[in-house]
Amino acid sequence: MRKPNSVATFFALAVAGLATGMPAAGQQTLTVEDLLGKLQNRAPGAGSDTTLTTEELARLQRNRLIVEEAGRKASRGESFRVEERTRLADISKQPGYRSVDLEVYFEFDSAEITATAARVLVLLGQALADSRLRGQSFLIAGHTDAKGEEEYNQRLSERRAQRIRDFLVSGFGLEAPKVIAIGYGKEELKNRRDPFAAENRRVQIVNLTR
């Protein structure tokens, strides 16, 4: 029997909500074009990067190999070790890798996608399936605030990131190795001055293709 909150069900709910102009909470002005603008990486050597050093080129090549291996692990459904999570987080912070933080709402202690969350994810899926981004590799990083036990936060963020990945891959025909879901729990706080701030509870989308 199909679960009531299957990808197909929530995809239909989300599309219906978008068609009637219902805004997603916290994302009232978010559009597909906004996401495309935030997630398009500049190609190496473009603009001010016309003179990449040998070291920079080597770093880009290492990054590509790391991302390719992560994509293979993601498509096999394997878990990521701490050092693997850290390497991808380090790449996402380097110059030239574009990202966006989204408010994706879940019920307490749950990884099931709500109708409100689905409306945001439909916009994201439309952007990732657009010809300007399609075929590129993306990190779906789930983050929590510092409240609660570390192991609990880690597991919950992993489940939520994986659920979002499933939604995007199933609903928009994205290539499985190109969408990498990783939960970071409270490892990568956005606001370290206030570990309990709401902005730490987020889903970060990073374009890993350069």
C-alpha atoms as a PDB file:
ATOM      1  CA  MET A   1       0.000   0.000   0.000  1.00  0.00           C
ATOM      2  CA  ARG A   2       1.315   3.432  -0.920  1.00  0.00           C
ATOM      3  CA  LYS A   3       2.332   5.758   1.865  1.00  0.00           C
ATOM      4  CA  PRO A   4       0.073   8.864   2.041  1.00  0.00           C
ATOM      5  CA  ASN A   5       3.109  11.129   1.849  1.00  0.00           C
ATOM      6  CA  SER A   6       4.719   9.498  -1.184  1.00  0.00           C
ATOM      7  CA  VAL A   7       6.713  11.574  -3.648  1.00  0.00           C
ATOM      8  CA  ALA A   8       3.875  11.395  -6.173  1.00  0.00           C
ATOM      9  CA  THR A   9       1.269  12.573  -3.658  1.00  0.00           C
ATOM     10  CA  PHE A  10       3.280  15.520  -2.410  1.00  0.00           C
ATOM     11  CA  PHE A  11       4.413  16.445  -5.886  1.00  0.00           C
ATOM     12  CA  ALA A  12       0.743  16.747  -6.862  1.00  0.00           C
ATOM     13  CA  LEU A  13      -0.040  18.765  -3.727  1.00  0.00           C
ATOM     14  CA  ALA A  14       2.889  21.078  -4.323  1.00  0.00           C
ATOM     15  CA  VAL A  15       2.051  21.708  -7.967  1.00  0.00           C
ATOM     16  CA  ALA A  16      -1.545  22.420  -6.982  1.00  0.00           C
ATOM     17  CA  GLY A  17      -0.343  24.888  -4.364  1.00  0.00           C
ATOM     18  CA  LEU A  18       1.933  26.662  -6.826  1.00  0.00           C
ATOM     19  CA  ALA A  19      -0.829  26.827  -9.429  1.00  0.00           C
ATOM     20  CA  THR A  20      -3.158  28.549  -6.965  1.00  0.00           C
ATOM     21  CA  GLY A  21      -0.454  30.980  -5.919  1.00  0.00           C
ATOM     22  CA  MET A  22      -0.091  29.608  -2.387  1.00  0.00           C
ATOM     23  CA  PRO A  23       3.311  30.802  -1.093  1.00  0.00           C
ATOM     24  CA  ALA A  24       5.653  28.534   0.808  1.00  0.00           C
ATOM     25  CA  ALA A  25       6.199  29.803   4.333  1.00  0.00           C
ATOM     26  CA  GLY A  26       9.431  31.744   4.592  1.00  0.00           C
ATOM     27  CA  GLN A  27       9.933  31.597   0.813  1.00  0.00           C
ATOM     28  CA  GLN A  28       7.218  33.979  -0.425  1.00  0.00           C
ATOM     29  CA  THR A  29       9.368  35.518  -3.144  1.00  0.00           C
ATOM     30  CA  LEU A  30      11.318  32.399  -4.170  1.00  0.00           C
ATOM     31  CA  THR A  31      11.171  31.589  -7.892  1.00  0.00           C
ATOM     32  CA  VAL A  32      12.864  29.120 -10.221  1.00  0.00           C
ATOM     33  CA  GLU A  33      14.820  31.983 -11.770  1.00  0.00           C
ATOM     34  CA  ASP A  34      16.044  33.019  -8.313  1.00  0.00           C
ATOM     35  CA  LEU A  35      17.400  29.515  -7.747  1.00  0.00           C
ATOM     36  CA  LEU A  36      18.991  29.364 -11.184  1.00  0.00           C
ATOM     37  CA  GLY A  37      20.749  32.662 -10.527  1.00  0.00           C
ATOM     38  CA  LYS A  38      22.056  31.499  -7.162  1.00  0.00           C
ATOM     39  CA  LEU A  39      23.230  28.061  -8.292  1.00  0.00           C
ATOM     40  CA  GLN A  40      24.990  28.659 -11.617  1.00  0.00           C
ATOM     41  CA  ASN A  41      28.737  28.310 -11.073  1.00  0.00           C
ATOM     42  CA  ARG A  42      31.152  30.299 -13.164  1.00  0.00           C
ATOM     43  CA  ALA A  43      33.281  28.038 -15.324  1.00  0.00           C
ATOM     44  CA  PRO A  44      36.981  27.832 -14.373  1.00  0.00           C
ATOM     45  CA  GLY A  45      38.924  30.393 -16.335  1.00  0.00           C
ATOM     46  CA  ALA A  46      35.934  32.703 -16.816  1.00  0.00           C
ATOM     47  CA  GLY A  47      35.992  36.347 -15.806  1.00  0.00           C
ATOM     48  CA  SER A  48      38.572  37.101 -13.146  1.00  0.00           C
ATOM     49  CA  ASP A  49      39.726  33.445 -13.110  1.00  0.00           C
ATOM     50  CA  THR A  50      41.507  33.723 -16.465  1.00  0.00           C
ATOM     51  CA  THR A  51      44.884  32.964 -14.914  1.00  0.00           C
ATOM     52  CA  LEU A  52      44.408  29.896 -12.745  1.00  0.00           C
ATOM     53  CA  THR A  53      47.613  28.669 -11.190  1.00  0.00           C
ATOM     54  CA  THR A  54      48.870  25.102 -11.448  1.00  0.00           C
ATOM     55  CA  GLU A  55      47.922  24.624  -7.804  1.00  0.00           C
ATOM     56  CA  GLU A  56      44.379  25.894  -8.403  1.00  0.00           C
ATOM     57  CA  LEU A  57      43.911  23.631 -11.408  1.00  0.00           C
ATOM     58  CA  ALA A  58      45.151  20.655  -9.372  1.00  0.00           C
ATOM     59  CA  ARG A  59      42.697  21.540  -6.599  1.00  0.00           C
ATOM     60  CA  LEU A  60      39.809  21.651  -9.062  1.00  0.00           C
ATOM     61  CA  GLN A  61      40.775  18.243 -10.414  1.00  0.00           C
ATOM     62  CA  ARG A  62      40.947  16.783  -6.884  1.00  0.00           C
ATOM     63  CA  ASN A  63      37.550  18.255  -6.127  1.00  0.00           C
ATOM     64  CA  ARG A  64      36.065  16.669  -9.246  1.00  0.00           C
ATOM     65  CA  LEU A  65      37.378  13.243  -8.282  1.00  0.00           C
ATOM     66  CA  ILE A  66      35.964  13.624  -4.753  1.00  0.00           C
ATOM     67  CA  VAL A  67      32.564  14.655  -6.126  1.00  0.00           C
ATOM     68  CA  GLU A  68      32.499  11.786  -8.636  1.00  0.00           C
ATOM     69  CA  GLU A  69      33.242   9.226  -5.927  1.00  0.00           C
ATOM     70  CA  ALA A  70      30.619  10.787  -3.648  1.00  0.00           C
ATOM     71  CA  GLY A  71      28.074  10.534  -6.459  1.00  0.00           C
ATOM     72  CA  ARG A  72      28.816   6.843  -6.906  1.00  0.00           C
ATOM     73  CA  LYS A  73      28.372   6.249  -3.167  1.00  0.00           C
ATOM     74  CA  ALA A  74      25.115   8.205  -3.161  1.00  0.00           C
ATOM     75  CA  SER A  75      23.710   6.177  -6.064  1.00  0.00           C
ATOM     76  CA  ARG A  76      24.578   2.957  -4.198  1.00  0.00           C
ATOM     77  CA  GLY A  77      22.845   4.211  -1.059  1.00  0.00           C
ATOM     78  CA  GLU A  78      26.001   4.056   1.045  1.00  0.00           C
ATOM     79  CA  SER A  79      26.624   6.160   4.150  1.00  0.00           C
ATOM     80  CA  PHE A  80      29.351   8.793   4.263  1.00  0.00           C
ATOM     81  CA  ARG A  81      32.127   8.741   6.825  1.00  0.00           C
ATOM     82  CA  VAL A  82      32.981  11.854   8.832  1.00  0.00           C
ATOM     83  CA  GLU A  83      36.078  12.580   6.728  1.00  0.00           C
ATOM     84  CA  GLU A  84      34.052  12.271   3.505  1.00  0.00           C
ATOM     85  CA  ARG A  85      31.417  14.659   4.797  1.00  0.00           C
ATOM     86  CA  THR A  86      34.159  17.081   5.810  1.00  0.00           C
ATOM     87  CA  ARG A  87      35.825  16.992   2.378  1.00  0.00           C
ATOM     88  CA  LEU A  88      32.569  17.881   0.634  1.00  0.00           C
ATOM     89  CA  ALA A  89      31.844  20.625   3.166  1.00  0.00           C
ATOM     90  CA  ASP A  90      35.316  22.058   2.538  1.00  0.00           C
ATOM     91  CA  ILE A  91      34.720  22.062  -1.228  1.00  0.00           C
ATOM     92  CA  SER A  92      31.395  23.854  -0.792  1.00  0.00           C
ATOM     93  CA  LYS A  93      33.178  26.709   1.029  1.00  0.00           C
ATOM     94  CA  GLN A  94      35.789  27.286  -1.676  1.00  0.00           C
ATOM     95  CA  PRO A  95      35.485  30.267  -4.056  1.00  0.00           C
ATOM     96  CA  GLY A  96      33.473  29.582  -7.189  1.00  0.00           C
ATOM     97  CA  TYR A  97      31.002  27.081  -5.727  1.00  0.00           C
ATOM     98  CA  ARG A  98      27.542  28.630  -5.548  1.00  0.00           C
ATOM     99  CA  SER A  99      24.975  27.611  -2.944  1.00  0.00           C
ATOM    100  CA  VAL A 100      21.617  28.548  -1.489  1.00  0.00           C
ATOM    101  CA  ASP A 101      20.049  27.891   1.916  1.00  0.00           C
ATOM    102  CA  LEU A 102      16.382  26.882   1.903  1.00  0.00           C
ATOM    103  CA  GLU A 103      13.786  26.599   4.636  1.00  0.00           C
ATOM    104  CA  VAL A 104      12.368  23.108   4.167  1.00  0.00           C
ATOM    105  CA  TYR A 105       9.871  22.341   6.889  1.00  0.00           C
ATOM    106  CA  PHE A 106       9.486  18.940   8.533  1.00  0.00           C
ATOM    107  CA  GLU A 107       7.310  17.831  11.412  1.00  0.00           C
ATOM    108  CA  PHE A 108       9.059  17.356  14.757  1.00  0.00           C
ATOM    109  CA  ASP A 109      11.304  14.274  14.831  1.00  0.00           C
ATOM    110  CA  SER A 110      10.262  13.378  11.279  1.00  0.00           C
ATOM    111  CA  ALA A 111      11.837  13.126   7.842  1.00  0.00           C
ATOM    112  CA  GLU A 112       8.509  13.057   6.026  1.00  0.00           C
ATOM    113  CA  ILE A 113       8.025  15.904   3.573  1.00  0.00           C
ATOM    114  CA  THR A 114       5.141  18.244   4.366  1.00  0.00           C
ATOM    115  CA  ALA A 115       3.002  19.958   1.742  1.00  0.00           C
ATOM    116  CA  THR A 116       4.696  23.261   2.618  1.00  0.00           C
ATOM    117  CA  ALA A 117       8.136  21.723   2.121  1.00  0.00           C
ATOM    118  CA  ALA A 118       7.050  20.116  -1.138  1.00  0.00           C
ATOM    119  CA  ARG A 119       6.195  23.472  -2.683  1.00  0.00           C
ATOM    120  CA  VAL A 120       9.756  24.680  -2.058  1.00  0.00           C
ATOM    121  CA  LEU A 121      11.205  21.422  -3.363  1.00  0.00           C
ATOM    122  CA  VAL A 122       9.159  21.553  -6.564  1.00  0.00           C
ATOM    123  CA  LEU A 123      10.719  24.943  -7.328  1.00  0.00           C
ATOM    124  CA  LEU A 124      14.155  23.502  -6.565  1.00  0.00           C
ATOM    125  CA  GLY A 125      13.497  20.453  -8.736  1.00  0.00           C
ATOM    126  CA  GLN A 126      12.386  22.641 -11.630  1.00  0.00           C
ATOM    127  CA  ALA A 127      15.610  24.637 -11.326  1.00  0.00           C
ATOM    128  CA  LEU A 128      17.863  21.551 -11.171  1.00  0.00           C
ATOM    129  CA  ALA A 129      16.058  20.027 -14.169  1.00  0.00           C
ATOM    130  CA  ASP A 130      16.458  23.235 -16.201  1.00  0.00           C
ATOM    131  CA  SER A 131      18.880  22.985 -19.122  1.00  0.00           C
ATOM    132  CA  ARG A 132      21.151  25.543 -17.441  1.00  0.00           C
ATOM    133  CA  LEU A 133      21.786  23.196 -14.491  1.00  0.00           C
ATOM    134  CA  ARG A 134      20.746  19.750 -15.632  1.00  0.00           C
ATOM    135  CA  GLY A 135      23.533  17.162 -15.497  1.00  0.00           C
ATOM    136  CA  GLN A 136      25.576  19.075 -12.926  1.00  0.00           C
ATOM    137  CA  SER A 137      26.334  17.643  -9.483  1.00  0.00           C
ATOM    138  CA  PHE A 138      24.647  18.986  -6.360  1.00  0.00           C
ATOM    139  CA  LEU A 139      25.075  18.495  -2.654  1.00  0.00           C
ATOM    140  CA  ILE A 140      21.893  18.351  -0.578  1.00  0.00           C
ATOM    141  CA  ALA A 141      23.188  19.125   2.917  1.00  0.00           C
ATOM    142  CA  GLY A 142      20.892  18.815   5.906  1.00  0.00           C
ATOM    143  CA  HIS A 143      21.777  20.897   8.967  1.00  0.00           C
ATOM    144  CA  THR A 144      20.354  21.217  12.473  1.00  0.00           C
ATOM    145  CA  ASP A 145      20.938  23.671  15.292  1.00  0.00           C
ATOM    146  CA  ALA A 146      22.947  22.689  18.370  1.00  0.00           C
ATOM    147  CA  LYS A 147      19.956  21.638  20.454  1.00  0.00           C
ATOM    148  CA  GLY A 148      19.795  17.932  21.265  1.00  0.00           C
ATOM    149  CA  GLU A 149      22.200  15.018  21.223  1.00  0.00           C
ATOM    150  CA  GLU A 150      24.837  14.936  18.507  1.00  0.00           C
ATOM    151  CA  GLU A 151      24.036  11.392  17.338  1.00  0.00           C
ATOM    152  CA  TYR A 152      20.296  12.106  17.208  1.00  0.00           C
ATOM    153  CA  ASN A 153      20.803  15.306  15.193  1.00  0.00           C
ATOM    154  CA  GLN A 154      23.157  13.523  12.828  1.00  0.00           C
ATOM    155  CA  ARG A 155      20.724  10.697  12.088  1.00  0.00           C
ATOM    156  CA  LEU A 156      17.769  13.039  11.643  1.00  0.00           C
ATOM    157  CA  SER A 157      19.663  15.347   9.274  1.00  0.00           C
ATOM    158  CA  GLU A 158      20.751  12.328   7.207  1.00  0.00           C
ATOM    159  CA  ARG A 159      17.186  11.038   6.917  1.00  0.00           C
ATOM    160  CA  ARG A 160      15.884  14.452   5.904  1.00  0.00           C
ATOM    161  CA  ALA A 161      18.601  15.063   3.310  1.00  0.00           C
ATOM    162  CA  GLN A 162      18.001  11.603   1.830  1.00  0.00           C
ATOM    163  CA  ARG A 163      14.244  12.169   1.682  1.00  0.00           C
ATOM    164  CA  ILE A 164      14.778  15.422  -0.221  1.00  0.00           C
ATOM    165  CA  ARG A 165      17.154  13.659  -2.618  1.00  0.00           C
ATOM    166  CA  ASP A 166      14.565  10.945  -3.269  1.00  0.00           C
ATOM    167  CA  PHE A 167      11.919  13.589  -3.932  1.00  0.00           C
ATOM    168  CA  LEU A 168      14.111  15.405  -6.459  1.00  0.00           C
ATOM    169  CA  VAL A 169      15.428  12.320  -8.250  1.00  0.00           C
ATOM    170  CA  SER A 170      12.006  10.637  -8.469  1.00  0.00           C
ATOM    171  CA  GLY A 171       9.992  13.729  -9.260  1.00  0.00           C
ATOM    172  CA  PHE A 172      12.283  15.390 -11.794  1.00  0.00           C
ATOM    173  CA  GLY A 173      14.248  12.576 -13.421  1.00  0.00           C
ATOM    174  CA  LEU A 174      17.595  13.821 -12.114  1.00  0.00           C
ATOM    175  CA  GLU A 175      20.582  11.497 -12.458  1.00  0.00           C
ATOM    176  CA  ALA A 176      21.045   9.633  -9.162  1.00  0.00           C
ATOM    177  CA  PRO A 177      24.869  10.039  -9.030  1.00  0.00           C
ATOM    178  CA  LYS A 178      24.472  13.793  -9.565  1.00  0.00           C
ATOM    179  CA  VAL A 179      22.470  14.388  -6.369  1.00  0.00           C
ATOM    180  CA  ILE A 180      24.436  13.741  -3.171  1.00  0.00           C
ATOM    181  CA  ALA A 181      22.538  13.805   0.131  1.00  0.00           C
ATOM    182  CA  ILE A 182      24.521  14.263   3.325  1.00  0.00           C
ATOM    183  CA  GLY A 183      23.399  15.041   6.846  1.00  0.00           C
ATOM    184  CA  TYR A 184      25.716  17.216   8.896  1.00  0.00           C
ATOM    185  CA  GLY A 185      23.702  17.414  12.095  1.00  0.00           C
ATOM    186  CA  LYS A 186      25.223  20.299  14.056  1.00  0.00           C
ATOM    187  CA  GLU A 187      28.731  19.937  12.569  1.00  0.00           C
ATOM    188  CA  GLU A 188      28.432  22.930  10.218  1.00  0.00           C
ATOM    189  CA  LEU A 189      26.568  25.665  12.070  1.00  0.00           C
ATOM    190  CA  LYS A 190      25.808  28.714   9.957  1.00  0.00           C
ATOM    191  CA  ASN A 191      25.645  30.993  13.002  1.00  0.00           C
ATOM    192  CA  ARG A 192      28.293  29.826  15.461  1.00  0.00           C
ATOM    193  CA  ARG A 193      27.706  32.841  17.698  1.00  0.00           C
ATOM    194  CA  ASP A 194      24.173  31.599  18.334  1.00  0.00           C
ATOM    195  CA  PRO A 195      24.197  27.792  17.990  1.00  0.00           C
ATOM    196  CA  PHE A 196      20.449  27.580  18.672  1.00  0.00           C
ATOM    197  CA  ALA A 197      19.441  30.186  16.052  1.00  0.00           C
ATOM    198  CA  ALA A 198      16.743  29.178  13.575  1.00  0.00           C
ATOM    199  CA  GLU A 199      19.040  29.914  10.616  1.00  0.00           C
ATOM    200  CA  ASN A 200      21.140  26.895  11.601  1.00  0.00           C
ATOM    201  CA  ARG A 201      18.163  24.608  10.813  1.00  0.00           C
ATOM    202  CA  ARG A 202      18.425  24.610   7.066  1.00  0.00           C
ATOM    203  CA  VAL A 203      18.913  22.651   3.873  1.00  0.00           C
ATOM    204  CA  GLN A 204      21.888  23.847   1.868  1.00  0.00           C
ATOM    205  CA  ILE A 205      22.058  23.207  -1.875  1.00  0.00           C
ATOM    206  CA  VAL A 206      25.570  23.451  -3.340  1.00  0.00           C
ATOM    207  CA  ASN A 207      26.546  23.237  -6.996  1.00  0.00           C
ATOM    208  CA  LEU A 208      29.630  20.996  -6.965  1.00  0.00           C
ATOM    209  CA  THR A 209      30.330  21.206 -10.703  1.00  0.00           C
ATOM    210  CA  ARG A 210      33.252  23.357 -11.868  1.00  0.00           C
END
